Amino acid sequence: MSVQAFILIQTEVGKAAAVANAAAKIAGVTLSEGVTGPYDVIMRAEAASMEEFGRLVLAKVQGVPGITRTLTCPVTHLS
């Protein structure tokens, strides 16, 4: 089973659109949208394993210019 997570992103003022566009181009990112509220961008990403998720997705997301903070929320299947 693959690892899936939502990543909530806070950006520098005026950078939300650029961050959302850059994040959408990262391999493994399935959704990247600007939102209102305490976070500026929400994205959904997936990878084959938690190690791959950390290496390939989180490392690249945190390297996007304009991001000030991220909160990663792994998807759980409670059934």
C-alpha atoms as a PDB file:
ATOM      1  CA  MET A   1       0.000   0.000   0.000  1.00  0.00           C
ATOM      2  CA  SER A   2       1.332   3.429  -0.873  1.00  0.00           C
ATOM      3  CA  VAL A   3       1.849   6.269   1.584  1.00  0.00           C
ATOM      4  CA  GLN A   4      -0.429   9.240   1.023  1.00  0.00           C
ATOM      5  CA  ALA A   5      -0.485  12.550   2.865  1.00  0.00           C
ATOM      6  CA  PHE A   6      -1.863  16.052   2.752  1.00  0.00           C
ATOM      7  CA  ILE A   7       0.732  18.764   3.245  1.00  0.00           C
ATOM      8  CA  LEU A   8      -0.475  22.129   4.534  1.00  0.00           C
ATOM      9  CA  ILE A   9       1.848  24.950   3.522  1.00  0.00           C
ATOM     10  CA  GLN A  10       2.350  28.488   4.777  1.00  0.00           C
ATOM     11  CA  THR A  11       4.119  30.829   2.374  1.00  0.00           C
ATOM     12  CA  GLU A  12       5.694  34.238   2.318  1.00  0.00           C
ATOM     13  CA  VAL A  13       3.185  37.005   1.564  1.00  0.00           C
ATOM     14  CA  GLY A  14       2.234  36.995  -2.116  1.00  0.00           C
ATOM     15  CA  LYS A  15       3.958  33.673  -2.879  1.00  0.00           C
ATOM     16  CA  ALA A  16       1.024  31.223  -2.635  1.00  0.00           C
ATOM     17  CA  ALA A  17       0.368  30.941  -6.384  1.00  0.00           C
ATOM     18  CA  ALA A  18       4.049  30.441  -7.228  1.00  0.00           C
ATOM     19  CA  VAL A  19       4.421  27.825  -4.472  1.00  0.00           C
ATOM     20  CA  ALA A  20       1.278  25.950  -5.590  1.00  0.00           C
ATOM     21  CA  ASN A  21       2.495  25.912  -9.198  1.00  0.00           C
ATOM     22  CA  ALA A  22       5.995  24.748  -8.259  1.00  0.00           C
ATOM     23  CA  ALA A  23       4.671  22.042  -5.921  1.00  0.00           C
ATOM     24  CA  ALA A  24       2.343  20.718  -8.625  1.00  0.00           C
ATOM     25  CA  LYS A  25       5.392  19.873 -10.763  1.00  0.00           C
ATOM     26  CA  ILE A  26       7.013  17.640  -8.120  1.00  0.00           C
ATOM     27  CA  ALA A  27       6.835  13.918  -8.869  1.00  0.00           C
ATOM     28  CA  GLY A  28       4.382  12.268  -6.482  1.00  0.00           C
ATOM     29  CA  VAL A  29       2.254  15.371  -5.950  1.00  0.00           C
ATOM     30  CA  THR A  30      -1.321  14.628  -7.023  1.00  0.00           C
ATOM     31  CA  LEU A  31      -2.956  17.923  -5.980  1.00  0.00           C
ATOM     32  CA  SER A  32      -1.683  21.424  -5.242  1.00  0.00           C
ATOM     33  CA  GLU A  33      -4.138  24.259  -4.653  1.00  0.00           C
ATOM     34  CA  GLY A  34      -4.155  27.683  -3.062  1.00  0.00           C
ATOM     35  CA  VAL A  35      -6.537  27.964  -0.088  1.00  0.00           C
ATOM     36  CA  THR A  36      -7.640  30.591   2.432  1.00  0.00           C
ATOM     37  CA  GLY A  37      -7.256  30.371   6.187  1.00  0.00           C
ATOM     38  CA  PRO A  38      -4.187  29.693   8.314  1.00  0.00           C
ATOM     39  CA  TYR A  39      -2.473  27.886   5.410  1.00  0.00           C
ATOM     40  CA  ASP A  40      -1.894  29.226   1.925  1.00  0.00           C
ATOM     41  CA  VAL A  41      -1.509  26.016  -0.103  1.00  0.00           C
ATOM     42  CA  ILE A  42      -2.719  22.468   0.379  1.00  0.00           C
ATOM     43  CA  MET A  43      -1.240  19.600  -1.541  1.00  0.00           C
ATOM     44  CA  ARG A  44      -1.705  15.858  -1.640  1.00  0.00           C
ATOM     45  CA  ALA A  45       1.199  13.561  -2.380  1.00  0.00           C
ATOM     46  CA  GLU A  46       1.905   9.845  -2.512  1.00  0.00           C
ATOM     47  CA  ALA A  47       4.871   7.498  -2.686  1.00  0.00           C
ATOM     48  CA  ALA A  48       5.492   3.755  -2.520  1.00  0.00           C
ATOM     49  CA  SER A  49       6.952   3.853   1.027  1.00  0.00           C
ATOM     50  CA  MET A  50       7.486   6.259   3.904  1.00  0.00           C
ATOM     51  CA  GLU A  51      11.212   6.391   3.118  1.00  0.00           C
ATOM     52  CA  GLU A  52      10.500   7.311  -0.492  1.00  0.00           C
ATOM     53  CA  PHE A  53       7.919   9.830   0.639  1.00  0.00           C
ATOM     54  CA  GLY A  54      10.472  11.551   2.847  1.00  0.00           C
ATOM     55  CA  ARG A  55      13.285  11.480   0.297  1.00  0.00           C
ATOM     56  CA  LEU A  56      11.465  12.280  -2.901  1.00  0.00           C
ATOM     57  CA  VAL A  57       8.483  14.348  -1.843  1.00  0.00           C
ATOM     58  CA  LEU A  58       9.185  16.166   1.413  1.00  0.00           C
ATOM     59  CA  ALA A  59      12.764  17.068   0.541  1.00  0.00           C
ATOM     60  CA  LYS A  60      11.639  18.594  -2.748  1.00  0.00           C
ATOM     61  CA  VAL A  61       8.622  20.366  -1.267  1.00  0.00           C
ATOM     62  CA  GLN A  62      10.709  21.976   1.457  1.00  0.00           C
ATOM     63  CA  GLY A  63      13.097  23.203  -1.230  1.00  0.00           C
ATOM     64  CA  VAL A  64      10.424  25.261  -3.006  1.00  0.00           C
ATOM     65  CA  PRO A  65      11.213  28.985  -2.629  1.00  0.00           C
ATOM     66  CA  GLY A  66       8.629  30.953  -0.659  1.00  0.00           C
ATOM     67  CA  ILE A  67       7.602  28.220   1.790  1.00  0.00           C
ATOM     68  CA  THR A  68       7.894  29.228   5.442  1.00  0.00           C
ATOM     69  CA  ARG A  69       6.283  26.228   7.173  1.00  0.00           C
ATOM     70  CA  THR A  70       4.751  22.850   6.357  1.00  0.00           C
ATOM     71  CA  LEU A  71       2.496  20.456   8.244  1.00  0.00           C
ATOM     72  CA  THR A  72       2.327  16.894   6.921  1.00  0.00           C
ATOM     73  CA  CYS A  73      -0.846  14.905   7.628  1.00  0.00           C
ATOM     74  CA  PRO A  74      -0.529  11.228   6.582  1.00  0.00           C
ATOM     75  CA  VAL A  75      -3.738   9.603   5.369  1.00  0.00           C
ATOM     76  CA  THR A  76      -4.919   6.700   7.538  1.00  0.00           C
ATOM     77  CA  HIS A  77      -7.407   3.993   6.663  1.00  0.00           C
ATOM     78  CA  LEU A  78      -9.482   3.347   9.784  1.00  0.00           C
ATOM     79  CA  SER A  79     -11.784   0.664   8.432  1.00  0.00           C
END
